[in-house]
Amino acid sequence: MSIVGPTEMERITSIKDHRVVEARGLTSSSARRRSGKCLLEGDEVIAWALAADVPVERVFVHDKIEGEGRSLLDDLRERGVTCFAVSEGILKKLTGRRYLVPLVGVARWDGSAVGPPGDFVIVLDGVQDHGNLGTIVRTARGFGIRDVVAVGDEVDLLYRKALRTSRGTVFGVRLRRFSSALEATSPYGSALQSTAQLEDRPLALAVGNETDGVSDEMDLVVQIPMSRVVESLNVGVATGISIYEFKLKLVMAMLEKRIRGTLGREVNVAGKLIQRSLDAALRDVSRLNSTQVILLMVLRCDEEMSLAQVGKDTATFGDEQAALLQPLFDGGHIAYVEGARERIRLTESGEQLIGQLWGVVEAAEDGILAGFSDSERRQLFDFLRRIQVNCINACGRGCTGQRGQRHSETPF
């Protein structure tokens, strides 16, 4: 796609244009909070916003844009972002700077959180230095922490220095504004941070400025032990130390609960129980087990499979795979593809067997899904398919081999 130059954009020549007036107002913290919008100064900041899927409403572009800025224009147009060509003077008025910022954007973002917070929350209690704010947010995001609570109105994560110091990670936080804090770190705390005992419950780590510290609304105030040569650490550095240590403590405190509640474990347990249920149902009518019957069903859909793919689908290899397939060969239910000893196909006998066993499969499925409404069953299969797609996207075609996605109409 060719890059359209600034001369071919709509031009804005007046500082009184309503779009320019709105953008100029966003240099004020109160205006940002009131409008739910922020100013993006420079191609790097705009790129961070785009990467975080922040809605960029418009971008003001210097008349003589060049270099990386021109490359960004292509991406902006593909995303449907309206760009306006403006003079150097207007751009300087937009940012309030004496030097030129070639691209300035307006984005709709206030970080307002939706839903309950996670198990680790950072509480910014009077932290006013924007460089420290950005450092704290970037460190928190590095440890997978998204929830930030601002105590009071002074905390401004969208101030230009906070944005740049955070490297755009502020766009990934869920911001709440409250007036209380539950956990904190202080150089004058009554307990060492390393000895603090955490319970199996969510944690809020409150950090304050070096002068006033944090408020008195704390369950536990702790200290980071240091040499007497240094009275206190920069709040950004101290927060990084505390996040690292408390994150580890929180994981250890919640480890058993986390293990028992992981998606992989729940799916694994459910899969094994489904397999045992089908095995029990098949035992009365067939010598085949559920893995063999499922393989026949897959072959009915795919027509043929390689032995390597059989291994991926059934987790059997070598002698174990041979033992799985031999009863199917002996019964005449599968055969090798002509001229290809590494590929198998379903025979007419195999198709007939599937038809004979389908009633057993359906009855077993009804038992497993007893109590589920029709809409709940459809929703379950939709969830499973979405999980499959996400897993395929995460691990690439190696998850599916030659066939790609396969959507089963049965959980077996």
Protein backbone atom coordinates (compact mmCIF):
# COMPACT_ATOMS: atom_id res chain seq x y z
CA MET A 1 0.00 0.00 0.00
CA SER A 2 1.46 3.35 -1.00
CA ILE A 3 1.90 6.04 1.61
CA VAL A 4 -0.20 9.12 1.05
CA GLY A 5 1.70 12.28 1.91
CA PRO A 6 0.48 15.03 4.28
CA THR A 7 -0.27 17.31 1.34
CA GLU A 8 -3.10 14.98 0.32
CA MET A 9 -4.75 15.03 3.77
CA GLU A 10 -7.33 17.49 4.93
CA ARG A 11 -5.44 20.55 6.11
CA ILE A 12 -6.18 22.52 9.27
CA THR A 13 -4.76 26.03 9.22
CA SER A 14 -6.47 27.72 12.17
CA ILE A 15 -5.52 27.35 15.81
CA LYS A 16 -9.20 28.01 16.56
CA ASP A 17 -10.39 24.87 14.74
CA HIS A 18 -12.55 22.93 17.22
CA ARG A 19 -10.44 19.78 16.80
CA VAL A 20 -7.28 21.70 17.62
CA VAL A 21 -8.96 23.44 20.56
CA GLU A 22 -10.03 20.09 22.04
CA ALA A 23 -6.55 18.61 21.61
CA ARG A 24 -4.88 21.64 23.24
CA GLY A 25 -7.14 21.23 26.25
CA LEU A 26 -5.90 17.67 26.79
CA THR A 27 -2.61 19.00 28.15
CA SER A 28 -4.63 19.56 31.35
CA SER A 29 -5.10 16.65 33.77
CA SER A 30 -8.63 17.76 34.66
CA ALA A 31 -9.61 17.96 30.98
CA ARG A 32 -8.25 14.45 30.36
CA ARG A 33 -10.23 13.05 33.25
CA ARG A 34 -13.39 14.93 32.32
CA SER A 35 -13.34 13.95 28.64
CA GLY A 36 -11.94 10.44 28.97
CA LYS A 37 -9.37 11.32 26.32
CA CYS A 38 -5.62 11.83 26.24
CA LEU A 39 -2.93 13.35 24.04
CA LEU A 40 -0.43 11.07 22.28
CA GLU A 41 2.78 12.98 21.61
CA GLY A 42 5.04 11.40 19.02
CA ASP A 43 5.01 8.37 16.74
CA GLU A 44 6.26 6.05 19.48
CA VAL A 45 3.44 6.90 21.90
CA ILE A 46 0.87 6.59 19.09
CA ALA A 47 2.30 3.17 18.20
CA TRP A 48 1.99 2.06 21.84
CA ALA A 49 -1.66 3.11 21.86
CA LEU A 50 -2.37 1.25 18.62
CA ALA A 51 -0.66 -1.88 19.94
CA ALA A 52 -2.89 -1.76 23.02
CA ASP A 53 -6.02 -1.34 20.84
CA VAL A 54 -6.69 2.09 22.31
CA PRO A 55 -9.17 3.96 20.08
CA VAL A 56 -7.16 6.71 18.36
CA GLU A 57 -9.63 9.31 17.11
CA ARG A 58 -7.37 11.56 15.07
CA VAL A 59 -3.73 12.42 14.42
CA PHE A 60 -2.25 15.81 13.56
CA VAL A 61 0.68 15.46 11.15
CA HIS A 62 3.44 17.93 10.34
CA ASP A 63 3.43 19.30 6.81
CA LYS A 64 6.85 17.82 6.13
CA ILE A 65 6.67 14.53 7.98
CA GLU A 66 9.46 12.05 7.20
CA GLY A 67 11.24 8.96 8.52
CA GLU A 68 9.40 6.66 10.92
CA GLY A 69 6.47 9.08 11.05
CA ARG A 70 5.67 8.45 7.39
CA SER A 71 5.67 4.70 7.97
CA LEU A 72 3.17 5.09 10.79
CA LEU A 73 0.73 6.93 8.51
CA ASP A 74 0.14 3.75 6.54
CA ASP A 75 -0.89 1.86 9.67
CA LEU A 76 -3.12 4.71 10.81
CA ARG A 77 -5.00 4.75 7.53
CA GLU A 78 -5.47 0.98 7.54
CA ARG A 79 -7.10 1.34 10.95
CA GLY A 80 -9.37 4.11 9.73
CA VAL A 81 -7.77 6.86 11.81
CA THR A 82 -8.35 10.34 10.38
CA CYS A 83 -5.16 12.35 9.90
CA PHE A 84 -4.87 16.11 9.44
CA ALA A 85 -1.96 18.05 8.00
CA VAL A 86 -0.98 21.03 10.19
CA SER A 87 1.86 23.48 10.48
CA GLU A 88 4.79 23.37 12.88
CA GLY A 89 3.28 26.29 14.78
CA ILE A 90 -0.01 24.49 15.43
CA LEU A 91 1.81 21.36 16.58
CA LYS A 92 3.84 23.37 19.06
CA LYS A 93 0.64 24.97 20.35
CA LEU A 94 -0.94 21.51 20.71
CA THR A 95 1.84 20.18 22.93
CA GLY A 96 2.93 23.40 24.62
CA ARG A 97 6.52 22.54 23.73
CA ARG A 98 9.16 24.76 22.15
CA TYR A 99 10.36 21.99 19.87
CA LEU A 100 8.46 20.14 17.15
CA VAL A 101 6.66 16.84 17.74
CA PRO A 102 5.79 15.75 14.16
CA LEU A 103 2.78 13.59 15.06
CA VAL A 104 0.26 14.27 17.82
CA GLY A 105 -2.78 12.07 18.36
CA VAL A 106 -5.99 12.18 20.36
CA ALA A 107 -7.16 8.90 21.89
CA ARG A 108 -10.18 7.89 23.94
CA TRP A 109 -8.90 6.18 27.10
CA ASP A 110 -9.47 6.73 30.78
CA GLY A 111 -8.47 3.28 32.04
CA SER A 112 -11.70 2.82 33.97
CA ALA A 113 -11.87 -0.72 35.31
CA VAL A 114 -14.80 -3.04 34.62
CA GLY A 115 -15.49 -6.01 36.86
CA PRO A 116 -13.73 -7.18 40.01
CA PRO A 117 -9.98 -6.58 40.47
CA GLY A 118 -7.38 -9.33 40.28
CA ASP A 119 -5.53 -10.89 43.21
CA PHE A 120 -2.76 -8.24 43.29
CA VAL A 121 -3.52 -4.51 43.24
CA ILE A 122 -1.10 -1.58 43.31
CA VAL A 123 -2.36 1.39 45.37
CA LEU A 124 -0.74 4.73 44.49
CA ASP A 125 -1.11 6.73 47.69
CA GLY A 126 0.18 10.25 47.06
CA VAL A 127 2.81 9.30 44.47
CA GLN A 128 3.15 12.50 42.47
CA ASP A 129 6.38 12.21 40.48
CA HIS A 130 5.32 11.17 36.99
CA GLY A 131 8.57 9.38 36.28
CA ASN A 132 8.03 7.20 39.33
CA LEU A 133 4.41 6.59 38.32
CA GLY A 134 5.50 5.32 34.92
CA THR A 135 8.21 3.13 36.44
CA ILE A 136 5.77 1.59 38.92
CA VAL A 137 3.19 0.83 36.24
CA ARG A 138 5.79 -0.68 33.91
CA THR A 139 7.14 -2.88 36.70
CA ALA A 140 3.64 -3.97 37.70
CA ARG A 141 2.72 -4.88 34.12
CA GLY A 142 5.97 -6.80 33.84
CA PHE A 143 4.72 -9.04 36.65
CA GLY A 144 1.26 -9.43 35.14
CA ILE A 145 -0.43 -6.92 37.47
CA ARG A 146 -3.13 -4.84 35.76
CA ASP A 147 -5.12 -3.30 38.60
CA VAL A 148 -4.09 0.13 39.88
CA VAL A 149 -5.88 2.14 42.56
CA ALA A 150 -5.26 5.87 42.74
CA VAL A 151 -5.76 7.48 46.15
CA GLY A 152 -6.86 11.06 45.61
CA ASP A 153 -6.95 13.14 42.43
CA GLU A 154 -3.24 13.88 42.01
CA VAL A 155 -2.26 10.62 40.30
CA ASP A 156 -2.18 11.19 36.53
CA LEU A 157 -1.03 8.17 34.53
CA LEU A 158 -1.60 9.97 31.22
CA TYR A 159 0.81 12.82 31.84
CA ARG A 160 3.43 12.80 29.08
CA LYS A 161 6.32 11.76 31.35
CA ALA A 162 4.33 8.95 32.96
CA LEU A 163 3.31 7.68 29.54
CA ARG A 164 6.85 7.62 28.23
CA THR A 165 8.46 6.21 31.37
CA SER A 166 5.93 3.38 31.38
CA ARG A 167 6.69 2.70 27.70
CA GLY A 168 2.96 2.76 27.02
CA THR A 169 2.12 0.06 29.56
CA VAL A 170 -0.34 2.44 31.25
CA PHE A 171 -2.71 1.53 28.41
CA GLY A 172 -2.88 -1.98 29.84
CA VAL A 173 -3.94 -1.09 33.40
CA ARG A 174 -7.40 -1.05 34.95
CA LEU A 175 -7.63 2.15 36.96
CA ARG A 176 -9.81 2.79 40.01
CA ARG A 177 -9.89 5.85 42.26
CA PHE A 178 -10.56 5.26 45.95
CA SER A 179 -9.58 6.81 49.26
CA SER A 180 -8.26 3.81 51.24
CA ALA A 181 -5.37 1.33 51.15
CA LEU A 182 -4.89 -2.15 52.66
CA GLU A 183 -1.21 -3.06 52.30
CA ALA A 184 1.91 -0.86 52.22
CA THR A 185 5.66 -0.74 52.39
CA SER A 186 7.49 1.84 54.48
CA PRO A 187 11.06 2.37 55.74
CA TYR A 188 9.55 2.76 59.21
CA GLY A 189 7.39 -0.38 59.18
CA SER A 190 7.03 -2.64 62.19
CA ALA A 191 7.87 -5.85 60.29
CA LEU A 192 10.46 -6.88 57.72
CA GLN A 193 8.99 -7.32 54.26
CA SER A 194 10.65 -10.71 53.87
CA THR A 195 8.95 -12.05 57.03
CA ALA A 196 5.45 -10.74 56.26
CA GLN A 197 2.91 -13.56 56.19
CA LEU A 198 0.34 -13.45 53.40
CA GLU A 199 -2.98 -15.24 53.45
CA ASP A 200 -4.81 -16.91 50.60
CA ARG A 201 -6.67 -13.78 49.60
CA PRO A 202 -6.16 -10.79 47.26
CA LEU A 203 -3.36 -8.34 48.09
CA ALA A 204 -3.18 -4.57 47.72
CA LEU A 205 0.31 -3.06 47.86
CA ALA A 206 0.13 0.65 48.73
CA VAL A 207 3.09 2.89 47.92
CA GLY A 208 3.50 6.54 48.89
CA ASN A 209 6.00 9.32 48.38
CA GLU A 210 9.27 9.55 50.29
CA THR A 211 8.21 12.61 52.29
CA ASP A 212 4.81 11.65 53.66
CA GLY A 213 4.81 7.88 53.18
CA VAL A 214 1.44 6.16 53.05
CA SER A 215 -1.80 6.80 54.89
CA ASP A 216 -2.68 5.15 58.20
CA GLU A 217 -5.32 2.81 56.71
CA MET A 218 -3.07 -0.26 56.58
CA ASP A 219 -3.47 -3.87 57.68
CA LEU A 220 0.28 -4.33 57.77
CA VAL A 221 3.12 -1.85 57.38
CA VAL A 222 6.44 -3.39 56.42
CA GLN A 223 9.98 -2.21 55.74
CA ILE A 224 12.70 -3.10 53.27
CA PRO A 225 15.89 -3.65 55.32
CA MET A 226 18.73 -1.38 54.16
CA SER A 227 22.12 -0.11 55.21
CA ARG A 228 22.06 3.00 57.43
CA VAL A 229 23.93 4.85 54.70
CA VAL A 230 20.63 5.17 52.80
CA GLU A 231 17.49 6.20 54.65
CA SER A 232 15.03 5.36 51.89
CA LEU A 233 14.77 4.20 48.29
CA ASN A 234 13.17 5.92 45.35
CA VAL A 235 9.52 4.85 45.36
CA GLY A 236 9.81 3.33 41.88
CA VAL A 237 12.78 1.17 42.96
CA ALA A 238 11.16 0.23 46.28
CA THR A 239 7.94 -0.76 44.53
CA GLY A 240 9.83 -3.02 42.15
CA ILE A 241 11.47 -4.84 45.07
CA SER A 242 8.15 -5.20 46.88
CA ILE A 243 6.23 -6.39 43.83
CA TYR A 244 8.83 -9.09 43.17
CA GLU A 245 8.82 -10.37 46.74
CA PHE A 246 5.08 -10.11 47.39
CA LYS A 247 4.15 -11.60 44.03
CA LEU A 248 6.19 -14.68 44.91
CA LYS A 249 4.68 -14.83 48.40
CA LEU A 250 1.16 -14.48 47.01
CA VAL A 251 1.67 -17.25 44.48
CA MET A 252 3.05 -19.54 47.19
CA ALA A 253 0.14 -18.72 49.50
CA MET A 254 -2.38 -19.46 46.77
CA LEU A 255 -0.45 -22.27 45.08
CA GLU A 256 -2.70 -25.17 46.01
CA LYS A 257 -5.82 -23.24 45.05
CA ARG A 258 -4.23 -22.15 41.78
CA ILE A 259 -3.12 -25.67 40.90
CA ARG A 260 -6.54 -27.14 41.62
CA GLY A 261 -8.26 -24.42 39.65
CA THR A 262 -6.05 -24.29 36.55
CA LEU A 263 -7.76 -24.71 33.19
CA GLY A 264 -5.37 -27.48 32.18
CA ARG A 265 -6.14 -29.56 35.25
CA GLU A 266 -9.92 -29.08 34.99
CA VAL A 267 -9.94 -29.98 31.29
CA ASN A 268 -7.63 -32.95 31.88
CA VAL A 269 -9.81 -34.31 34.69
CA ALA A 270 -12.99 -33.76 32.68
CA GLY A 271 -11.46 -35.44 29.63
CA LYS A 272 -10.41 -38.52 31.59
CA LEU A 273 -13.82 -38.82 33.25
CA ILE A 274 -15.58 -38.50 29.86
CA GLN A 275 -13.32 -41.22 28.47
CA ARG A 276 -14.05 -43.52 31.43
CA SER A 277 -17.80 -42.94 31.03
CA LEU A 278 -17.68 -43.88 27.35
CA ASP A 279 -15.46 -46.91 28.08
CA ALA A 280 -18.04 -48.13 30.58
CA ALA A 281 -20.87 -47.69 28.07
CA LEU A 282 -18.94 -49.47 25.28
CA ARG A 283 -17.85 -52.37 27.47
CA ASP A 284 -21.25 -54.06 27.24
CA VAL A 285 -21.52 -53.95 23.45
CA SER A 286 -18.01 -53.88 22.00
CA ARG A 287 -14.45 -54.95 22.61
CA LEU A 288 -13.22 -51.55 21.48
CA ASN A 289 -12.41 -48.77 23.93
CA SER A 290 -13.33 -45.10 23.65
CA THR A 291 -10.00 -44.08 22.10
CA GLN A 292 -10.48 -46.57 19.27
CA VAL A 293 -14.08 -45.52 18.66
CA ILE A 294 -13.12 -41.83 18.67
CA LEU A 295 -10.38 -42.60 16.14
CA LEU A 296 -12.94 -44.24 13.85
CA MET A 297 -15.16 -41.16 14.13
CA VAL A 298 -12.24 -38.90 13.28
CA LEU A 299 -11.46 -41.04 10.24
CA ARG A 300 -15.10 -40.79 9.18
CA CYS A 301 -14.71 -37.00 9.13
CA ASP A 302 -11.18 -36.80 7.68
CA GLU A 303 -11.29 -39.80 5.32
CA GLU A 304 -7.67 -40.70 6.03
CA MET A 305 -4.88 -39.98 8.53
CA SER A 306 -1.14 -40.40 8.79
CA LEU A 307 0.22 -42.57 11.60
CA ALA A 308 2.00 -39.48 12.88
CA GLN A 309 -1.34 -37.72 13.14
CA VAL A 310 -2.83 -40.73 14.90
CA GLY A 311 -0.06 -40.36 17.45
CA LYS A 312 -0.89 -36.68 18.00
CA ASP A 313 -4.62 -37.34 18.33
CA THR A 314 -4.36 -40.37 20.62
CA ALA A 315 -1.01 -39.73 22.38
CA THR A 316 0.16 -43.21 21.38
CA PHE A 317 3.41 -44.06 19.64
CA GLY A 318 5.42 -47.13 18.74
CA ASP A 319 4.22 -50.38 20.32
CA GLU A 320 1.41 -48.60 22.16
CA GLN A 321 0.05 -47.23 18.92
CA ALA A 322 0.37 -50.63 17.23
CA ALA A 323 -1.64 -52.18 20.07
CA LEU A 324 -4.31 -49.50 19.64
CA LEU A 325 -4.64 -50.03 15.87
CA GLN A 326 -4.30 -53.82 15.64
CA PRO A 327 -7.88 -54.65 16.79
CA LEU A 328 -9.18 -52.15 14.21
CA PHE A 329 -7.13 -53.82 11.46
CA ASP A 330 -8.19 -57.30 12.65
CA GLY A 331 -11.84 -56.33 12.64
CA GLY A 332 -11.54 -54.89 9.16
CA HIS A 333 -12.57 -51.44 10.38
CA ILE A 334 -9.47 -49.65 9.03
CA ALA A 335 -6.95 -50.34 6.28
CA TYR A 336 -3.80 -48.80 4.92
CA VAL A 337 -4.18 -46.32 2.09
CA GLU A 338 -3.13 -48.03 -1.11
CA GLY A 339 0.52 -47.36 -1.80
CA ALA A 340 1.00 -45.52 1.50
CA ARG A 341 1.80 -47.72 4.48
CA GLU A 342 2.08 -44.65 6.72
CA ARG A 343 -1.55 -43.62 6.19
CA ILE A 344 -4.80 -45.31 7.22
CA ARG A 345 -8.41 -44.99 6.08
CA LEU A 346 -11.83 -46.05 7.32
CA THR A 347 -13.38 -49.10 5.65
CA GLU A 348 -17.04 -49.82 4.95
CA SER A 349 -17.03 -52.14 7.95
CA GLY A 350 -15.73 -49.27 10.08
CA GLU A 351 -18.53 -46.99 8.90
CA GLN A 352 -21.12 -49.63 9.75
CA LEU A 353 -19.62 -50.07 13.21
CA ILE A 354 -19.84 -46.33 13.87
CA GLY A 355 -23.52 -46.46 12.92
CA GLN A 356 -24.10 -49.39 15.27
CA LEU A 357 -22.29 -47.73 18.18
CA TRP A 358 -23.70 -44.24 17.65
CA GLY A 359 -26.67 -44.91 19.90
CA VAL A 360 -24.29 -45.90 22.70
CA VAL A 361 -22.29 -42.72 22.17
CA GLU A 362 -25.42 -40.57 22.25
CA ALA A 363 -26.68 -42.24 25.42
CA ALA A 364 -23.31 -41.74 27.11
CA GLU A 365 -23.30 -38.09 26.02
CA ASP A 366 -26.79 -37.56 27.42
CA GLY A 367 -25.65 -39.01 30.73
CA ILE A 368 -22.57 -36.79 30.88
CA LEU A 369 -24.60 -33.69 30.02
CA ALA A 370 -27.56 -34.56 32.24
CA GLY A 371 -29.14 -31.39 33.62
CA PHE A 372 -27.80 -29.21 30.79
CA SER A 373 -30.39 -27.32 28.78
CA ASP A 374 -30.13 -27.24 24.98
CA SER A 375 -28.81 -23.68 25.11
CA GLU A 376 -26.22 -24.67 27.75
CA ARG A 377 -25.06 -27.56 25.56
CA ARG A 378 -24.65 -25.27 22.57
CA GLN A 379 -22.80 -22.78 24.74
CA LEU A 380 -20.50 -25.53 26.06
CA PHE A 381 -19.56 -26.64 22.56
CA ASP A 382 -19.04 -23.02 21.55
CA PHE A 383 -16.68 -22.51 24.50
CA LEU A 384 -14.77 -25.68 23.62
CA ARG A 385 -14.36 -24.60 20.02
CA ARG A 386 -13.13 -21.18 21.07
CA ILE A 387 -10.61 -22.82 23.40
CA GLN A 388 -9.45 -25.01 20.52
CA VAL A 389 -9.00 -21.99 18.26
CA ASN A 390 -7.06 -20.10 20.95
CA CYS A 391 -4.81 -23.12 21.53
CA ILE A 392 -4.21 -23.50 17.79
CA ASN A 393 -3.31 -19.82 17.55
CA ALA A 394 -0.96 -20.17 20.52
CA CYS A 395 0.98 -23.18 19.25
CA GLY A 396 0.58 -22.87 15.48
CA ARG A 397 -0.31 -25.57 12.99
CA GLY A 398 1.59 -28.11 15.07
CA CYS A 399 -1.58 -28.42 17.16
CA THR A 400 -3.55 -29.73 14.21
CA GLY A 401 -1.02 -31.11 11.77
CA GLN A 402 -2.32 -31.42 8.21
CA ARG A 403 -6.01 -31.09 8.92
CA GLY A 404 -6.25 -27.72 10.68
CA GLN A 405 -9.25 -27.11 12.93
CA ARG A 406 -11.70 -29.90 13.61
CA HIS A 407 -15.01 -29.07 15.22
CA SER A 408 -16.64 -32.10 16.75
CA GLU A 409 -20.37 -32.29 17.43
CA THR A 410 -19.73 -34.55 20.39
CA PRO A 411 -17.37 -34.18 23.37
CA PHE A 412 -15.84 -37.59 22.75
